Amino acid sequence: MAQIQELLAQKAALEKQIDAARKHARQDGVAKVKALMAEYGLSVSDLTARGPGRPSTKGGKVAPKYRNTATGETWSGRGLQPKWLKAALASGRKLDEFTV
């Protein structure tokens, strides 16, 4: 049982050393990045700004392609079909009938 306690104490000591090494490496990395930013005159907004060759990952709103004439509900044609459209198609109507 004493051997287990010794191993657990060694484990705790190693975890402290690992945490200290990670903090030190992180501080070094931050210092290097700050130095490079100062050298090239960059700001944080330069690193996150959208520019040429960096398309936006945020999807924009899409115009509706299909409309339920009875209720005015719309669907863009993206994602799952809405319930009203599924029901209409199941009853024999065609998708073209709902085109905007």
PDB file of N, CA and C in Angstrom:
ATOM      1  N   MET A   1       0.820  -1.197   0.000  1.00  0.00           N
ATOM      2  CA  MET A   1       0.000   0.000   0.000  1.00  0.00           C
ATOM      3  C   MET A   1       0.863   1.261   0.000  1.00  0.00           C
ATOM      4  N   ALA A   2       2.010   1.176   0.663  1.00  0.00           N
ATOM      5  CA  ALA A   2       2.904   2.331   0.726  1.00  0.00           C
ATOM      6  C   ALA A   2       3.435   2.672  -0.663  1.00  0.00           C
ATOM      7  N   GLN A   3       3.650   1.636  -1.474  1.00  0.00           N
ATOM      8  CA  GLN A   3       4.167   1.864  -2.824  1.00  0.00           C
ATOM      9  C   GLN A   3       3.152   2.646  -3.658  1.00  0.00           C
ATOM     10  N   ILE A   4       1.867   2.357  -3.480  1.00  0.00           N
ATOM     11  CA  ILE A   4       0.823   3.074  -4.212  1.00  0.00           C
ATOM     12  C   ILE A   4       0.836   4.544  -3.811  1.00  0.00           C
ATOM     13  N   GLN A   5       0.980   4.819  -2.525  1.00  0.00           N
ATOM     14  CA  GLN A   5       1.023   6.200  -2.044  1.00  0.00           C
ATOM     15  C   GLN A   5       2.220   6.944  -2.625  1.00  0.00           C
ATOM     16  N   GLU A   6       3.346   6.270  -2.699  1.00  0.00           N
ATOM     17  CA  GLU A   6       4.542   6.896  -3.276  1.00  0.00           C
ATOM     18  C   GLU A   6       4.336   7.209  -4.761  1.00  0.00           C
ATOM     19  N   LEU A   7       3.735   6.276  -5.476  1.00  0.00           N
ATOM     20  CA  LEU A   7       3.478   6.489  -6.903  1.00  0.00           C
ATOM     21  C   LEU A   7       2.489   7.631  -7.117  1.00  0.00           C
ATOM     22  N   LEU A   8       1.464   7.700  -6.271  1.00  0.00           N
ATOM     23  CA  LEU A   8       0.500   8.791  -6.381  1.00  0.00           C
ATOM     24  C   LEU A   8       1.154  10.144  -6.086  1.00  0.00           C
ATOM     25  N   ALA A   9       2.061  10.168  -5.139  1.00  0.00           N
ATOM     26  CA  ALA A   9       2.783  11.406  -4.832  1.00  0.00           C
ATOM     27  C   ALA A   9       3.668  11.806  -6.009  1.00  0.00           C
ATOM     28  N   GLN A  10       4.322  10.826  -6.639  1.00  0.00           N
ATOM     29  CA  GLN A  10       5.150  11.100  -7.819  1.00  0.00           C
ATOM     30  C   GLN A  10       4.284  11.629  -8.963  1.00  0.00           C
ATOM     31  N   LYS A  11       3.103  11.029  -9.113  1.00  0.00           N
ATOM     32  CA  LYS A  11       2.178  11.460 -10.166  1.00  0.00           C
ATOM     33  C   LYS A  11       1.780  12.916  -9.951  1.00  0.00           C
ATOM     34  N   ALA A  12       1.441  13.271  -8.713  1.00  0.00           N
ATOM     35  CA  ALA A  12       1.047  14.645  -8.406  1.00  0.00           C
ATOM     36  C   ALA A  12       2.194  15.610  -8.687  1.00  0.00           C
ATOM     37  N   ALA A  13       3.412  15.217  -8.324  1.00  0.00           N
ATOM     38  CA  ALA A  13       4.572  16.067  -8.566  1.00  0.00           C
ATOM     39  C   ALA A  13       4.805  16.243 -10.066  1.00  0.00           C
ATOM     40  N   LEU A  14       4.651  15.171 -10.836  1.00  0.00           N
ATOM     41  CA  LEU A  14       4.819  15.257 -12.293  1.00  0.00           C
ATOM     42  C   LEU A  14       3.746  16.141 -12.920  1.00  0.00           C
ATOM     43  N   GLU A  15       2.518  16.048 -12.432  1.00  0.00           N
ATOM     44  CA  GLU A  15       1.445  16.886 -12.965  1.00  0.00           C
ATOM     45  C   GLU A  15       1.730  18.364 -12.708  1.00  0.00           C
ATOM     46  N   LYS A  16       2.302  18.682 -11.545  1.00  0.00           N
ATOM     47  CA  LYS A  16       2.679  20.065 -11.259  1.00  0.00           C
ATOM     48  C   LYS A  16       3.772  20.518 -12.217  1.00  0.00           C
ATOM     49  N   GLN A  17       4.748  19.665 -12.478  1.00  0.00           N
ATOM     50  CA  GLN A  17       5.830  20.001 -13.406  1.00  0.00           C
ATOM     51  C   GLN A  17       5.288  20.210 -14.820  1.00  0.00           C
ATOM     52  N   ILE A  18       4.353  19.368 -15.226  1.00  0.00           N
ATOM     53  CA  ILE A  18       3.749  19.482 -16.558  1.00  0.00           C
ATOM     54  C   ILE A  18       2.999  20.807 -16.672  1.00  0.00           C
ATOM     55  N   ASP A  19       2.224  21.156 -15.649  1.00  0.00           N
ATOM     56  CA  ASP A  19       1.483  22.421 -15.675  1.00  0.00           C
ATOM     57  C   ASP A  19       2.433  23.611 -15.763  1.00  0.00           C
ATOM     58  N   ALA A  20       3.516  23.562 -14.998  1.00  0.00           N
ATOM     59  CA  ALA A  20       4.490  24.653 -15.020  1.00  0.00           C
ATOM     60  C   ALA A  20       5.143  24.762 -16.397  1.00  0.00           C
ATOM     61  N   ALA A  21       5.469  23.623 -17.007  1.00  0.00           N
ATOM     62  CA  ALA A  21       6.093  23.620 -18.333  1.00  0.00           C
ATOM     63  C   ALA A  21       5.123  24.172 -19.375  1.00  0.00           C
ATOM     64  N   ARG A  22       3.842  23.812 -19.268  1.00  0.00           N
ATOM     65  CA  ARG A  22       2.838  24.327 -20.202  1.00  0.00           C
ATOM     66  C   ARG A  22       2.704  25.846 -20.081  1.00  0.00           C
ATOM     67  N   LYS A  23       2.661  26.345 -18.841  1.00  0.00           N
ATOM     68  CA  LYS A  23       2.547  27.790 -18.634  1.00  0.00           C
ATOM     69  C   LYS A  23       3.749  28.515 -19.224  1.00  0.00           C
ATOM     70  N   HIS A  24       4.928  27.954 -18.997  1.00  0.00           N
ATOM     71  CA  HIS A  24       6.149  28.565 -19.520  1.00  0.00           C
ATOM     72  C   HIS A  24       6.142  28.567 -21.055  1.00  0.00           C
ATOM     73  N   ALA A  25       5.754  27.458 -21.659  1.00  0.00           N
ATOM     74  CA  ALA A  25       5.708  27.362 -23.121  1.00  0.00           C
ATOM     75  C   ALA A  25       4.678  28.339 -23.680  1.00  0.00           C
ATOM     76  N   ARG A  26       3.569  28.483 -22.990  1.00  0.00           N
ATOM     77  CA  ARG A  26       2.523  29.417 -23.435  1.00  0.00           C
ATOM     78  C   ARG A  26       3.025  30.857 -23.377  1.00  0.00           C
ATOM     79  N   GLN A  27       3.712  31.184 -22.280  1.00  0.00           N
ATOM     80  CA  GLN A  27       4.262  32.532 -22.147  1.00  0.00           C
ATOM     81  C   GLN A  27       5.283  32.817 -23.243  1.00  0.00           C
ATOM     82  N   ASP A  28       6.110  31.836 -23.550  1.00  0.00           N
ATOM     83  CA  ASP A  28       7.090  31.999 -24.640  1.00  0.00           C
ATOM     84  C   ASP A  28       6.377  32.215 -25.973  1.00  0.00           C
ATOM     85  N   GLY A  29       5.329  31.443 -26.213  1.00  0.00           N
ATOM     86  CA  GLY A  29       4.579  31.576 -27.460  1.00  0.00           C
ATOM     87  C   GLY A  29       3.942  32.943 -27.586  1.00  0.00           C
ATOM     88  N   VAL A  30       3.354  33.428 -26.505  1.00  0.00           N
ATOM     89  CA  VAL A  30       2.731  34.748 -26.520  1.00  0.00           C
ATOM     90  C   VAL A  30       3.775  35.826 -26.790  1.00  0.00           C
ATOM     91  N   ALA A  31       4.929  35.688 -26.163  1.00  0.00           N
ATOM     92  CA  ALA A  31       5.993  36.670 -26.372  1.00  0.00           C
ATOM     93  C   ALA A  31       6.459  36.676 -27.829  1.00  0.00           C
ATOM     94  N   LYS A  32       6.586  35.504 -28.423  1.00  0.00           N
ATOM     95  CA  LYS A  32       7.003  35.413 -29.829  1.00  0.00           C
ATOM     96  C   LYS A  32       5.963  36.049 -30.754  1.00  0.00           C
ATOM     97  N   VAL A  33       4.696  35.771 -30.482  1.00  0.00           N
ATOM     98  CA  VAL A  33       3.636  36.333 -31.314  1.00  0.00           C
ATOM     99  C   VAL A  33       3.610  37.854 -31.192  1.00  0.00           C
ATOM    100  N   LYS A  34       3.751  38.358 -29.962  1.00  0.00           N
ATOM    101  CA  LYS A  34       3.761  39.807 -29.761  1.00  0.00           C
ATOM    102  C   LYS A  34       4.935  40.447 -30.495  1.00  0.00           C
ATOM    103  N   ALA A  35       6.088  39.786 -30.441  1.00  0.00           N
ATOM    104  CA  ALA A  35       7.269  40.321 -31.128  1.00  0.00           C
ATOM    105  C   ALA A  35       7.032  40.363 -32.640  1.00  0.00           C
ATOM    106  N   LEU A  36       6.466  39.301 -33.200  1.00  0.00           N
ATOM    107  CA  LEU A  36       6.176  39.285 -34.634  1.00  0.00           C
ATOM    108  C   LEU A  36       5.140  40.339 -35.011  1.00  0.00           C
ATOM    109  N   MET A  37       4.127  40.508 -34.177  1.00  0.00           N
ATOM    110  CA  MET A  37       3.109  41.516 -34.457  1.00  0.00           C
ATOM    111  C   MET A  37       3.724  42.911 -34.445  1.00  0.00           C
ATOM    112  N   ALA A  38       4.615  43.162 -33.487  1.00  0.00           N
ATOM    113  CA  ALA A  38       5.282  44.468 -33.424  1.00  0.00           C
ATOM    114  C   ALA A  38       6.201  44.658 -34.627  1.00  0.00           C
ATOM    115  N   GLU A  39       6.894  43.610 -35.006  1.00  0.00           N
ATOM    116  CA  GLU A  39       7.829  43.690 -36.136  1.00  0.00           C
ATOM    117  C   GLU A  39       7.106  44.028 -37.441  1.00  0.00           C
ATOM    118  N   TYR A  40       5.934  43.446 -37.639  1.00  0.00           N
ATOM    119  CA  TYR A  40       5.190  43.652 -38.882  1.00  0.00           C
ATOM    120  C   TYR A  40       4.064  44.676 -38.752  1.00  0.00           C
ATOM    121  N   GLY A  41       3.915  45.275 -37.585  1.00  0.00           N
ATOM    122  CA  GLY A  41       2.895  46.289 -37.386  1.00  0.00           C
ATOM    123  C   GLY A  41       1.476  45.748 -37.459  1.00  0.00           C
ATOM    124  N   LEU A  42       1.261  44.568 -36.934  1.00  0.00           N
ATOM    125  CA  LEU A  42      -0.053  43.928 -36.989  1.00  0.00           C
ATOM    126  C   LEU A  42      -0.827  44.157 -35.699  1.00  0.00           C
ATOM    127  N   SER A  43      -2.150  44.141 -35.819  1.00  0.00           N
ATOM    128  CA  SER A  43      -3.020  44.194 -34.643  1.00  0.00           C
ATOM    129  C   SER A  43      -3.869  42.928 -34.628  1.00  0.00           C
ATOM    130  N   VAL A  44      -4.593  42.748 -33.548  1.00  0.00           N
ATOM    131  CA  VAL A  44      -5.456  41.569 -33.442  1.00  0.00           C
ATOM    132  C   VAL A  44      -6.507  41.583 -34.545  1.00  0.00           C
ATOM    133  N   SER A  45      -7.016  42.759 -34.883  1.00  0.00           N
ATOM    134  CA  SER A  45      -8.035  42.837 -35.930  1.00  0.00           C
ATOM    135  C   SER A  45      -7.466  42.423 -37.290  1.00  0.00           C
ATOM    136  N   ASP A  46      -6.152  42.632 -37.503  1.00  0.00           N
ATOM    137  CA  ASP A  46      -5.536  42.174 -38.749  1.00  0.00           C
ATOM    138  C   ASP A  46      -5.555  40.650 -38.845  1.00  0.00           C
ATOM    139  N   LEU A  47      -5.454  39.988 -37.713  1.00  0.00           N
ATOM    140  CA  LEU A  47      -5.424  38.528 -37.713  1.00  0.00           C
ATOM    141  C   LEU A  47      -6.799  37.920 -37.892  1.00  0.00           C
ATOM    142  N   THR A  48      -7.832  38.647 -37.509  1.00  0.00           N
ATOM    143  CA  THR A  48      -9.185  38.096 -37.585  1.00  0.00           C
ATOM    144  C   THR A  48     -10.008  38.681 -38.718  1.00  0.00           C
ATOM    145  N   ALA A  49      -9.486  39.680 -39.405  1.00  0.00           N
ATOM    146  CA  ALA A  49     -10.256  40.341 -40.465  1.00  0.00           C
ATOM    147  C   ALA A  49     -10.428  39.438 -41.672  1.00  0.00           C
ATOM    148  N   ARG A  50     -11.554  39.602 -42.333  1.00  0.00           N
ATOM    149  CA  ARG A  50     -11.807  38.888 -43.584  1.00  0.00           C
ATOM    150  C   ARG A  50     -11.192  39.700 -44.703  1.00  0.00           C
ATOM    151  N   GLY A  51     -10.497  39.042 -45.558  1.00  0.00           N
ATOM    152  CA  GLY A  51      -9.875  39.733 -46.671  1.00  0.00           C
ATOM    153  C   GLY A  51      -9.942  38.885 -47.909  1.00  0.00           C
ATOM    154  N   PRO A  52      -9.228  39.284 -48.952  1.00  0.00           N
ATOM    155  CA  PRO A  52      -9.214  38.490 -50.180  1.00  0.00           C
ATOM    156  C   PRO A  52      -8.702  37.075 -49.901  1.00  0.00           C
ATOM    157  N   GLY A  53      -9.404  36.117 -50.425  1.00  0.00           N
ATOM    158  CA  GLY A  53      -8.993  34.722 -50.242  1.00  0.00           C
ATOM    159  C   GLY A  53      -9.424  34.136 -48.915  1.00  0.00           C
ATOM    160  N   ARG A  54     -10.141  34.900 -48.108  1.00  0.00           N
ATOM    161  CA  ARG A  54     -10.624  34.402 -46.821  1.00  0.00           C
ATOM    162  C   ARG A  54     -12.136  34.569 -46.786  1.00  0.00           C
ATOM    163  N   PRO A  55     -12.863  33.628 -47.353  1.00  0.00           N
ATOM    164  CA  PRO A  55     -14.316  33.777 -47.410  1.00  0.00           C
ATOM    165  C   PRO A  55     -14.945  33.703 -46.024  1.00  0.00           C
ATOM    166  N   SER A  56     -16.072  34.315 -45.900  1.00  0.00           N
ATOM    167  CA  SER A  56     -16.805  34.292 -44.643  1.00  0.00           C
ATOM    168  C   SER A  56     -17.350  32.895 -44.401  1.00  0.00           C
ATOM    169  N   THR A  57     -17.262  32.449 -43.166  1.00  0.00           N
ATOM    170  CA  THR A  57     -17.804  31.136 -42.817  1.00  0.00           C
ATOM    171  C   THR A  57     -19.258  31.246 -42.373  1.00  0.00           C
ATOM    172  N   LYS A  58     -19.729  32.455 -42.215  1.00  0.00           N
ATOM    173  CA  LYS A  58     -21.097  32.663 -41.774  1.00  0.00           C
ATOM    174  C   LYS A  58     -22.023  32.623 -42.982  1.00  0.00           C
ATOM    175  N   GLY A  59     -23.025  31.787 -42.905  1.00  0.00           N
ATOM    176  CA  GLY A  59     -23.976  31.681 -44.003  1.00  0.00           C
ATOM    177  C   GLY A  59     -24.941  32.848 -43.995  1.00  0.00           C
ATOM    178  N   GLY A  60     -25.218  33.357 -45.149  1.00  0.00           N
ATOM    179  CA  GLY A  60     -26.151  34.471 -45.259  1.00  0.00           C
ATOM    180  C   GLY A  60     -27.570  33.981 -45.417  1.00  0.00           C
ATOM    181  N   LYS A  61     -28.493  34.898 -45.320  1.00  0.00           N
ATOM    182  CA  LYS A  61     -29.901  34.555 -45.490  1.00  0.00           C
ATOM    183  C   LYS A  61     -30.170  34.330 -46.980  1.00  0.00           C
ATOM    184  N   VAL A  62     -30.949  33.316 -47.276  1.00  0.00           N
ATOM    185  CA  VAL A  62     -31.229  32.930 -48.650  1.00  0.00           C
ATOM    186  C   VAL A  62     -32.694  33.242 -48.969  1.00  0.00           C
ATOM    187  N   ALA A  63     -32.914  33.712 -50.167  1.00  0.00           N
ATOM    188  CA  ALA A  63     -34.284  34.017 -50.592  1.00  0.00           C
ATOM    189  C   ALA A  63     -35.101  32.733 -50.682  1.00  0.00           C
ATOM    190  N   PRO A  64     -36.393  32.803 -50.351  1.00  0.00           N
ATOM    191  CA  PRO A  64     -37.229  31.600 -50.422  1.00  0.00           C
ATOM    192  C   PRO A  64     -37.434  31.144 -51.867  1.00  0.00           C
ATOM    193  N   LYS A  65     -37.463  29.833 -52.063  1.00  0.00           N
ATOM    194  CA  LYS A  65     -37.697  29.255 -53.392  1.00  0.00           C
ATOM    195  C   LYS A  65     -39.102  28.675 -53.500  1.00  0.00           C
ATOM    196  N   TYR A  66     -39.680  28.336 -52.345  1.00  0.00           N
ATOM    197  CA  TYR A  66     -40.993  27.687 -52.342  1.00  0.00           C
ATOM    198  C   TYR A  66     -41.910  28.391 -51.347  1.00  0.00           C
ATOM    199  N   ARG A  67     -43.196  28.542 -51.723  1.00  0.00           N
ATOM    200  CA  ARG A  67     -44.157  29.222 -50.861  1.00  0.00           C
ATOM    201  C   ARG A  67     -45.452  28.415 -50.814  1.00  0.00           C
ATOM    202  N   ASN A  68     -45.995  28.317 -49.625  1.00  0.00           N
ATOM    203  CA  ASN A  68     -47.299  27.716 -49.422  1.00  0.00           C
ATOM    204  C   ASN A  68     -48.324  28.826 -49.644  1.00  0.00           C
ATOM    205  N   THR A  69     -49.059  28.781 -50.735  1.00  0.00           N
ATOM    206  CA  THR A  69     -49.993  29.856 -51.074  1.00  0.00           C
ATOM    207  C   THR A  69     -51.132  29.983 -50.069  1.00  0.00           C
ATOM    208  N   ALA A  70     -51.459  28.900 -49.397  1.00  0.00           N
ATOM    209  CA  ALA A  70     -52.555  28.942 -48.436  1.00  0.00           C
ATOM    210  C   ALA A  70     -52.166  29.690 -47.161  1.00  0.00           C
ATOM    211  N   THR A  71     -50.958  29.505 -46.686  1.00  0.00           N
ATOM    212  CA  THR A  71     -50.552  30.102 -45.408  1.00  0.00           C
ATOM    213  C   THR A  71     -49.476  31.175 -45.545  1.00  0.00           C
ATOM    214  N   GLY A  72     -48.786  31.214 -46.680  1.00  0.00           N
ATOM    215  CA  GLY A  72     -47.716  32.180 -46.874  1.00  0.00           C
ATOM    216  C   GLY A  72     -46.369  31.713 -46.350  1.00  0.00           C
ATOM    217  N   GLU A  73     -46.325  30.503 -45.804  1.00  0.00           N
ATOM    218  CA  GLU A  73     -45.053  29.975 -45.300  1.00  0.00           C
ATOM    219  C   GLU A  73     -44.104  29.754 -46.470  1.00  0.00           C
ATOM    220  N   THR A  74     -42.804  29.924 -46.200  1.00  0.00           N
ATOM    221  CA  THR A  74     -41.807  29.760 -47.259  1.00  0.00           C
ATOM    222  C   THR A  74     -40.721  28.789 -46.824  1.00  0.00           C
ATOM    223  N   TRP A  75     -39.965  28.333 -47.824  1.00  0.00           N
ATOM    224  CA  TRP A  75     -38.816  27.462 -47.606  1.00  0.00           C
ATOM    225  C   TRP A  75     -37.781  27.819 -48.643  1.00  0.00           C
ATOM    226  N   SER A  76     -36.513  27.914 -48.218  1.00  0.00           N
ATOM    227  CA  SER A  76     -35.432  28.321 -49.112  1.00  0.00           C
ATOM    228  C   SER A  76     -34.937  27.177 -49.987  1.00  0.00           C
ATOM    229  N   GLY A  77     -35.344  25.958 -49.680  1.00  0.00           N
ATOM    230  CA  GLY A  77     -34.843  24.813 -50.427  1.00  0.00           C
ATOM    231  C   GLY A  77     -33.616  24.202 -49.769  1.00  0.00           C
ATOM    232  N   ARG A  78     -33.194  24.782 -48.664  1.00  0.00           N
ATOM    233  CA  ARG A  78     -32.042  24.263 -47.919  1.00  0.00           C
ATOM    234  C   ARG A  78     -32.524  23.605 -46.640  1.00  0.00           C
ATOM    235  N   GLY A  79     -31.815  22.589 -46.232  1.00  0.00           N
ATOM    236  CA  GLY A  79     -32.187  21.896 -45.002  1.00  0.00           C
ATOM    237  C   GLY A  79     -33.360  20.960 -45.214  1.00  0.00           C
ATOM    238  N   LEU A  80     -33.936  20.528 -44.110  1.00  0.00           N
ATOM    239  CA  LEU A  80     -35.067  19.606 -44.173  1.00  0.00           C
ATOM    240  C   LEU A  80     -36.298  20.306 -44.734  1.00  0.00           C
ATOM    241  N   GLN A  81     -37.104  19.527 -45.437  1.00  0.00           N
ATOM    242  CA  GLN A  81     -38.358  20.080 -45.959  1.00  0.00           C
ATOM    243  C   GLN A  81     -39.295  20.353 -44.794  1.00  0.00           C
ATOM    244  N   PRO A  82     -40.006  21.470 -44.832  1.00  0.00           N
ATOM    245  CA  PRO A  82     -40.971  21.754 -43.762  1.00  0.00           C
ATOM    246  C   PRO A  82     -42.150  20.784 -43.827  1.00  0.00           C
ATOM    247  N   LYS A  83     -42.833  20.681 -42.713  1.00  0.00           N
ATOM    248  CA  LYS A  83     -43.964  19.742 -42.612  1.00  0.00           C
ATOM    249  C   LYS A  83     -45.048  20.049 -43.625  1.00  0.00           C
ATOM    250  N   TRP A  84     -45.349  21.325 -43.846  1.00  0.00           N
ATOM    251  CA  TRP A  84     -46.413  21.665 -44.797  1.00  0.00           C
ATOM    252  C   TRP A  84     -46.084  21.183 -46.199  1.00  0.00           C
ATOM    253  N   LEU A  85     -44.796  21.243 -46.576  1.00  0.00           N
ATOM    254  CA  LEU A  85     -44.398  20.794 -47.904  1.00  0.00           C
ATOM    255  C   LEU A  85     -44.401  19.274 -47.998  1.00  0.00           C
ATOM    256  N   LYS A  86     -43.932  18.624 -46.952  1.00  0.00           N
ATOM    257  CA  LYS A  86     -43.954  17.160 -46.944  1.00  0.00           C
ATOM    258  C   LYS A  86     -45.380  16.639 -47.078  1.00  0.00           C
ATOM    259  N   ALA A  87     -46.294  17.252 -46.349  1.00  0.00           N
ATOM    260  CA  ALA A  87     -47.692  16.813 -46.396  1.00  0.00           C
ATOM    261  C   ALA A  87     -48.270  17.029 -47.784  1.00  0.00           C
ATOM    262  N   ALA A  88     -47.968  18.170 -48.402  1.00  0.00           N
ATOM    263  CA  ALA A  88     -48.504  18.455 -49.732  1.00  0.00           C
ATOM    264  C   ALA A  88     -47.942  17.482 -50.762  1.00  0.00           C
ATOM    265  N   LEU A  89     -46.655  17.165 -50.662  1.00  0.00           N
ATOM    266  CA  LEU A  89     -46.043  16.222 -51.610  1.00  0.00           C
ATOM    267  C   LEU A  89     -46.591  14.821 -51.406  1.00  0.00           C
ATOM    268  N   ALA A  90     -46.858  14.462 -50.153  1.00  0.00           N
ATOM    269  CA  ALA A  90     -47.425  13.143 -49.862  1.00  0.00           C
ATOM    270  C   ALA A  90     -48.842  13.021 -50.410  1.00  0.00           C
ATOM    271  N   SER A  91     -49.552  14.148 -50.498  1.00  0.00           N
ATOM    272  CA  SER A  91     -50.926  14.097 -51.008  1.00  0.00           C
ATOM    273  C   SER A  91     -50.968  14.111 -52.532  1.00  0.00           C
ATOM    274  N   GLY A  92     -49.813  14.144 -53.181  1.00  0.00           N
ATOM    275  CA  GLY A  92     -49.780  14.030 -54.630  1.00  0.00           C
ATOM    276  C   GLY A  92     -49.419  15.302 -55.374  1.00  0.00           C
ATOM    277  N   ARG A  93     -49.249  16.410 -54.678  1.00  0.00           N
ATOM    278  CA  ARG A  93     -48.878  17.646 -55.360  1.00  0.00           C
ATOM    279  C   ARG A  93     -47.405  17.608 -55.743  1.00  0.00           C
ATOM    280  N   LYS A  94     -47.017  18.429 -56.684  1.00  0.00           N
ATOM    281  CA  LYS A  94     -45.646  18.462 -57.189  1.00  0.00           C
ATOM    282  C   LYS A  94     -44.907  19.655 -56.598  1.00  0.00           C
ATOM    283  N   LEU A  95     -43.592  19.506 -56.445  1.00  0.00           N
ATOM    284  CA  LEU A  95     -42.759  20.560 -55.879  1.00  0.00           C
ATOM    285  C   LEU A  95     -42.813  21.832 -56.712  1.00  0.00           C
ATOM    286  N   ASP A  96     -42.938  21.667 -58.033  1.00  0.00           N
ATOM    287  CA  ASP A  96     -42.980  22.826 -58.941  1.00  0.00           C
ATOM    288  C   ASP A  96     -44.176  23.738 -58.656  1.00  0.00           C
ATOM    289  N   GLU A  97     -45.221  23.200 -58.076  1.00  0.00           N
ATOM    290  CA  GLU A  97     -46.415  23.988 -57.787  1.00  0.00           C
ATOM    291  C   GLU A  97     -46.147  25.052 -56.727  1.00  0.00           C
ATOM    292  N   PHE A  98     -45.094  24.885 -55.929  1.00  0.00           N
ATOM    293  CA  PHE A  98     -44.816  25.788 -54.824  1.00  0.00           C
ATOM    294  C   PHE A  98     -43.672  26.754 -55.129  1.00  0.00           C
ATOM    295  N   THR A  99     -43.126  26.683 -56.330  1.00  0.00           N
ATOM    296  CA  THR A  99     -42.007  27.554 -56.696  1.00  0.00           C
ATOM    297  C   THR A  99     -42.433  29.007 -56.667  1.00  0.00           C
ATOM    298  N   VAL A 100     -41.574  29.852 -56.068  1.00  0.00           N
ATOM    299  CA  VAL A 100     -41.863  31.288 -55.989  1.00  0.00           C
ATOM    300  C   VAL A 100     -41.564  31.935 -57.320  1.00  0.00           C
TER     301      VAL A 100
END
